[in-house]
Every structure is written in C-alpha cells, then in structure tokens.
C-alpha cells in the first residue's frame, strides 16, 4: 500500500481516510470470517472503481464476487462511491464480534447529500447468514428515492453460471454452478424496510435477471428523513451440504429467518 491509512489494534482495524487508489487492497486487509463464510471489506453500494469485492466459502476456490449489493437512485442519479464526493469517512472492522461498520456522507455531482451508515455482521452460531443494516439520511435532498437490495451481479459470471433464479414476496434466491469446480451454491435474501423508525410497506418491483435478483423499493424522502434497510443473506453449497436439499434448505432457513 502506498500510504498506511489503516490503524490496527488487537481486535480492530480502523480507516478514517478514503483513498480510491487503495480501495482494492484495503478491502482485502479488512477481510473477516466465521469459518464458513469469508468476506472482503467491500462496499454494499455501487462502486465503479477498482475493488476486491469477493466472498469465499469453506473448501471452494471460486470466489463469489459482489454477491449482495444495495443500489440507490435519486431521480436519475445513481449513487456511485467512485464518482460522488465522500466526506466524514469512517470504516471499522471488529474482528472479535465479526462486524464491519461504516459511516460517511456522499454528495452527488448535482449537490445532493446523503448520510450513509452500514453494518455487516457474520455469526458463529448461524454461519450461513450475513446480516446487513443499511441506513440513508437525506441532508438536503427532496424527491423520489429508489433502494434496490440485490444478490448476484455481472462479476459473478466470471466463475459461475446460473441454474435457477426466483423472486417471491418474502425472498429472492439464485442457484449457481461453478465454472471451474464440481460445486453448486445457493444464495438467498430477505429484507425489511423502515422509514423514520417505522416499519414501511411498499409495493416492491421484483428484479429477476440472469445474474441479478432482488427488489426495487421506491418512495419519497425529504431532508431529515431516514430510511433503514435490513437484509439477511443466506449462502449454502453442495461441497459442505447435501446437493439434493440445497434449495429446500435455503428456503426453509429464509422462511424461518434464523
């Protein structure tokens, strides 16, 4: 790394300066694992710059790239952390609690500013799940905003091809076959949405493409409003678990949500 922008302590790695030219390496330095799922410290949001957005599963060489994302749009502006101006940046990996936290402000080329917080949590008790909390507060923007929780991504196609996708009201799933190994993986997702601390029901638009599944959740916000998205992402694979039950086990786990 060109400059040491990470501060290390026995259980934490902290970052208070965003350096896009170092982002790919920083994500690798912020890797953490619960023994089954190992993840780099990548952004949930769209990032068009160089990154190392990868997840690895126990005993499988093929990485899952950008398998869970949250795309955000204000009118025709798409939040892109590589082109928006980032301020008050802070990212912290707590290796003891297996939690990656991040806070920042993001200002669009049009001058619209959002405050963004995210938390990503792995569990030792439920090793298949990743819990993600993604919070957006409007500083000066008024108008429609779309939040798109998604799983999959075009980069997955480098190592995987889809066998089956499904988007229902309460879950989305994608079933993948490795291009390099005799192994299959199922990724599933459920979500909850709050606005200003109140559970919010919206009419989701289902998104189901070859490598991407999820939802588009649209509503109006004004300065001071807070939108919080909670995701549970479930991953299982045929190398560690019976192939015949792979999708059924994923659906049962997502239905129970534990």
Protein backbone atom coordinates (compact mmCIF):
# COMPACT_ATOMS: atom_id res chain seq x y z
CA UNK A 1 0.00 0.00 0.00
CA UNK A 2 1.29 3.47 -0.88
CA UNK A 3 0.31 5.03 2.43
CA UNK A 4 -0.82 3.38 5.64
CA UNK A 5 -4.39 4.63 6.03
CA UNK A 6 -5.41 1.80 8.36
CA UNK A 7 -4.98 1.87 12.15
CA UNK A 8 -4.51 -1.52 13.81
CA UNK A 9 -5.29 -2.56 17.38
CA UNK A 10 -5.59 -6.08 18.85
CA UNK A 11 -9.23 -6.54 17.78
CA UNK A 12 -9.93 -3.64 15.40
CA UNK A 13 -8.82 -2.23 12.07
CA UNK A 14 -9.99 1.36 11.52
CA UNK A 15 -9.93 3.65 8.49
CA UNK A 16 -10.71 7.39 8.57
CA UNK A 17 -9.46 8.41 5.12
CA UNK A 18 -10.96 7.19 1.86
CA UNK A 19 -8.30 6.56 -0.79
CA UNK A 20 -9.85 5.23 -4.03
CA UNK A 21 -6.45 4.21 -5.42
CA UNK A 22 -6.06 1.89 -2.42
CA UNK A 23 -9.63 0.60 -2.15
CA UNK A 24 -8.98 -2.84 -3.67
CA UNK A 25 -6.11 -3.52 -1.26
CA UNK A 26 -7.97 -2.05 1.75
CA UNK A 27 -10.89 -4.41 1.11
CA UNK A 28 -8.50 -7.36 1.32
CA UNK A 29 -6.96 -6.02 4.54
CA UNK A 30 -10.47 -5.82 6.04
CA UNK A 31 -11.28 -9.48 5.34
CA UNK A 32 -13.08 -11.41 8.09
CA UNK A 33 -14.51 -14.90 8.50
CA UNK A 34 -16.73 -17.10 10.67
CA UNK A 35 -15.07 -20.29 9.44
CA UNK A 36 -17.61 -20.95 6.67
CA UNK A 37 -18.03 -17.54 5.00
CA UNK A 38 -15.00 -15.30 4.45
CA UNK A 39 -15.63 -11.79 3.12
CA UNK A 40 -13.55 -8.85 1.99
CA UNK A 41 -14.48 -5.42 3.35
CA UNK A 42 -16.18 -4.21 0.16
CA UNK A 43 -18.91 -1.59 -0.19
CA UNK A 44 -22.54 -2.67 -0.33
CA UNK A 45 -23.25 0.31 -2.60
CA UNK A 46 -22.36 0.54 -6.28
CA UNK A 47 -18.70 1.37 -6.77
CA UNK A 48 -17.37 1.74 -10.32
CA UNK A 49 -13.73 1.97 -9.24
CA UNK A 50 -11.25 -0.84 -8.73
CA UNK A 51 -12.36 -3.13 -5.90
CA UNK A 52 -11.86 -6.62 -4.48
CA UNK A 53 -15.50 -7.40 -3.76
CA UNK A 54 -15.30 -11.13 -3.10
CA UNK A 55 -16.71 -13.76 -0.76
CA UNK A 56 -15.20 -17.21 -0.26
CA UNK A 57 -16.84 -20.36 1.12
CA UNK A 58 -15.08 -23.10 3.05
CA UNK A 59 -13.37 -25.57 0.71
CA UNK A 60 -14.33 -23.74 -2.52
CA UNK A 61 -11.77 -21.95 -4.69
CA UNK A 62 -14.19 -19.99 -6.90
CA UNK A 63 -14.99 -16.60 -5.27
CA UNK A 64 -18.46 -15.08 -5.16
CA UNK A 65 -18.00 -11.52 -6.41
CA UNK A 66 -20.34 -8.75 -5.19
CA UNK A 67 -23.00 -11.25 -4.12
CA UNK A 68 -25.04 -8.72 -2.09
CA UNK A 69 -25.42 -5.06 -3.02
CA UNK A 70 -27.67 -2.10 -2.29
CA UNK A 71 -28.16 0.18 -5.30
CA UNK A 72 -29.51 3.68 -4.56
CA UNK A 73 -31.00 6.17 -7.02
CA UNK A 74 -32.18 9.78 -6.60
CA UNK A 75 -34.27 10.57 -9.68
CA UNK A 76 -31.77 9.76 -12.47
CA UNK A 77 -28.70 9.95 -10.21
CA UNK A 78 -27.22 6.61 -9.24
CA UNK A 79 -25.14 6.58 -6.07
CA UNK A 80 -21.60 5.67 -7.15
CA UNK A 81 -18.99 5.92 -4.40
CA UNK A 82 -16.28 6.29 -7.04
CA UNK A 83 -17.76 9.48 -8.53
CA UNK A 84 -19.68 11.07 -5.63
CA UNK A 85 -17.73 13.17 -3.13
CA UNK A 86 -17.25 11.27 0.14
CA UNK A 87 -16.77 13.04 3.48
CA UNK A 88 -16.57 12.16 7.20
CA UNK A 89 -15.47 8.70 6.11
CA UNK A 90 -15.02 6.00 8.77
CA UNK A 91 -14.78 2.24 8.40
CA UNK A 92 -14.04 -0.23 11.18
CA UNK A 93 -13.64 -3.99 11.30
CA UNK A 94 -14.16 -5.53 14.73
CA UNK A 95 -12.52 -8.93 14.39
CA UNK A 96 -13.82 -10.14 17.75
CA UNK A 97 -17.51 -9.51 17.02
CA UNK A 98 -17.15 -10.21 13.25
CA UNK A 99 -18.72 -6.85 12.39
CA UNK A 100 -17.78 -4.36 9.67
CA UNK A 101 -19.17 -0.85 10.24
CA UNK A 102 -19.02 2.22 8.02
CA UNK A 103 -20.18 5.86 8.15
CA UNK A 104 -19.83 8.67 5.62
CA UNK A 105 -21.50 11.48 3.75
CA UNK A 106 -21.87 11.24 -0.03
CA UNK A 107 -22.56 14.24 -2.28
CA UNK A 108 -23.66 13.79 -5.87
CA UNK A 109 -22.37 15.84 -8.83
CA UNK A 110 -25.69 17.75 -8.57
CA UNK A 111 -25.03 18.65 -4.92
CA UNK A 112 -27.46 16.20 -3.27
CA UNK A 113 -26.02 14.97 0.04
CA UNK A 114 -26.81 11.77 1.92
CA UNK A 115 -25.55 10.43 5.23
CA UNK A 116 -24.92 6.69 4.95
CA UNK A 117 -24.26 4.07 7.60
CA UNK A 118 -23.84 0.35 7.13
CA UNK A 119 -23.19 -2.65 9.34
CA UNK A 120 -22.34 -6.13 8.13
CA UNK A 121 -22.38 -8.94 10.69
CA UNK A 122 -21.23 -12.54 10.45
CA UNK A 123 -22.30 -15.09 13.04
CA UNK A 124 -20.61 -18.12 14.55
CA UNK A 125 -23.98 -19.54 15.67
CA UNK A 126 -25.62 -19.18 12.23
CA UNK A 127 -22.63 -19.40 9.85
CA UNK A 128 -24.75 -19.36 6.67
CA UNK A 129 -26.14 -15.87 7.35
CA UNK A 130 -24.78 -12.38 6.81
CA UNK A 131 -26.85 -9.64 8.48
CA UNK A 132 -26.67 -6.21 6.86
CA UNK A 133 -28.16 -2.94 8.08
CA UNK A 134 -28.03 -0.07 5.60
CA UNK A 135 -29.21 3.41 6.66
CA UNK A 136 -29.66 6.51 4.49
CA UNK A 137 -30.48 10.02 5.81
CA UNK A 138 -31.22 12.89 3.49
CA UNK A 139 -29.26 16.05 4.31
CA UNK A 140 -30.61 18.34 1.59
CA UNK A 141 -32.38 16.14 -0.97
CA UNK A 142 -36.14 16.16 -1.55
CA UNK A 143 -37.78 13.84 -4.02
CA UNK A 144 -38.12 10.20 -5.01
CA UNK A 145 -35.50 7.68 -3.95
CA UNK A 146 -35.17 4.06 -5.01
CA UNK A 147 -33.34 1.50 -2.89
CA UNK A 148 -32.57 -1.80 -4.60
CA UNK A 149 -31.44 -4.74 -2.43
CA UNK A 150 -29.88 -7.22 -4.84
CA UNK A 151 -27.96 -10.50 -4.84
CA UNK A 152 -25.79 -11.66 -7.69
CA UNK A 153 -24.01 -9.36 -10.13
CA UNK A 154 -22.35 -9.45 -13.52
CA UNK A 155 -18.94 -10.16 -11.97
CA UNK A 156 -20.25 -13.49 -10.69
CA UNK A 157 -20.32 -14.70 -14.31
CA UNK A 158 -16.51 -14.89 -14.30
CA UNK A 159 -16.62 -18.00 -12.10
CA UNK A 160 -20.28 -19.08 -12.00
CA UNK A 161 -23.33 -19.53 -14.22
CA UNK A 162 -26.96 -19.51 -13.00
CA UNK A 163 -29.07 -22.65 -12.82
CA UNK A 164 -32.22 -21.08 -11.38
CA UNK A 165 -33.49 -17.76 -10.02
CA UNK A 166 -36.63 -16.99 -8.04
CA UNK A 167 -38.10 -13.78 -6.61
CA UNK A 168 -41.12 -14.08 -4.30
CA UNK A 169 -42.73 -11.53 -1.99
CA UNK A 170 -40.61 -12.56 1.00
CA UNK A 171 -37.39 -13.91 -0.51
CA UNK A 172 -35.13 -13.88 -3.56
CA UNK A 173 -32.78 -16.72 -4.49
CA UNK A 174 -30.14 -17.52 -7.09
CA UNK A 175 -28.71 -21.01 -7.69
CA UNK A 176 -25.23 -21.14 -9.22
CA UNK A 177 -22.89 -23.73 -10.71
CA UNK A 178 -19.12 -23.17 -10.60
CA UNK A 179 -17.39 -22.94 -13.97
CA UNK A 180 -14.19 -24.39 -12.50
CA UNK A 181 -15.27 -26.88 -9.84
CA UNK A 182 -17.91 -29.54 -9.33
CA UNK A 183 -19.85 -27.44 -6.81
CA UNK A 184 -23.13 -25.55 -6.64
CA UNK A 185 -24.13 -22.63 -4.42
CA UNK A 186 -27.49 -21.16 -3.42
CA UNK A 187 -27.70 -17.52 -2.28
CA UNK A 188 -30.93 -16.23 -0.75
CA UNK A 189 -32.08 -12.91 0.68
CA UNK A 190 -34.89 -11.45 2.77
CA UNK A 191 -35.38 -7.79 3.64
CA UNK A 192 -37.19 -5.37 5.98
CA UNK A 193 -37.64 -1.63 5.42
CA UNK A 194 -38.17 1.23 7.89
CA UNK A 195 -38.73 4.94 7.37
CA UNK A 196 -38.09 7.25 10.33
CA UNK A 197 -38.14 4.27 12.68
CA UNK A 198 -41.48 2.89 11.46
CA UNK A 199 -41.76 -0.41 9.51
CA UNK A 200 -42.78 0.55 5.98
CA UNK A 201 -44.73 -1.47 3.47
CA UNK A 202 -44.04 -0.62 -0.16
CA UNK A 203 -45.03 -2.30 -3.38
CA UNK A 204 -41.72 -3.86 -4.42
CA UNK A 205 -40.83 -4.23 -8.06
CA UNK A 206 -39.27 -7.66 -8.46
CA UNK A 207 -35.97 -7.80 -10.32
CA UNK A 208 -35.04 -11.11 -11.93
CA UNK A 209 -32.25 -11.16 -14.47
CA UNK A 210 -29.68 -13.74 -15.48
CA UNK A 211 -27.15 -12.90 -12.77
CA UNK A 212 -29.10 -10.47 -10.53
CA UNK A 213 -32.24 -10.91 -8.42
CA UNK A 214 -33.87 -8.66 -5.83
CA UNK A 215 -36.26 -5.74 -5.48
CA UNK A 216 -36.73 -2.07 -6.26
CA UNK A 217 -38.27 -0.16 -3.32
CA UNK A 218 -39.30 3.40 -4.17
CA UNK A 219 -40.64 6.27 -2.06
CA UNK A 220 -40.28 9.99 -1.43
CA UNK A 221 -37.86 11.48 1.09
CA UNK A 222 -37.07 14.98 2.32
CA UNK A 223 -34.23 16.48 4.38
CA UNK A 224 -34.08 14.79 7.79
CA UNK A 225 -35.81 11.58 6.69
CA UNK A 226 -34.10 8.29 7.47
CA UNK A 227 -34.57 5.06 5.53
CA UNK A 228 -33.22 1.82 7.04
CA UNK A 229 -32.92 -1.43 5.13
CA UNK A 230 -32.23 -4.71 6.93
CA UNK A 231 -31.04 -7.67 4.87
CA UNK A 232 -30.38 -11.28 5.73
CA UNK A 233 -28.29 -13.05 3.13
CA UNK A 234 -28.12 -16.86 3.28
CA UNK A 235 -25.47 -18.95 1.48
CA UNK A 236 -25.12 -22.72 1.26
CA UNK A 237 -23.15 -25.03 -1.06
CA UNK A 238 -23.04 -28.62 -2.31
CA UNK A 239 -19.48 -29.30 -1.15
CA UNK A 240 -20.35 -28.93 2.52
CA UNK A 241 -24.08 -29.85 2.43
CA UNK A 242 -26.26 -32.35 0.52
CA UNK A 243 -26.93 -31.21 -3.05
CA UNK A 244 -30.39 -32.79 -3.08
CA UNK A 245 -31.59 -30.46 -0.28
CA UNK A 246 -29.66 -27.33 -1.23
CA UNK A 247 -32.56 -25.14 -2.40
CA UNK A 248 -35.09 -26.58 0.06
CA UNK A 249 -32.75 -25.93 2.99
CA UNK A 250 -32.21 -22.36 1.79
CA UNK A 251 -35.95 -21.67 1.53
CA UNK A 252 -36.65 -23.17 4.97
CA UNK A 253 -33.88 -21.05 6.52
CA UNK A 254 -35.11 -17.87 4.82
CA UNK A 255 -38.69 -18.58 5.87
CA UNK A 256 -37.60 -19.07 9.49
CA UNK A 257 -35.16 -16.16 9.10
CA UNK A 258 -32.74 -17.67 11.59
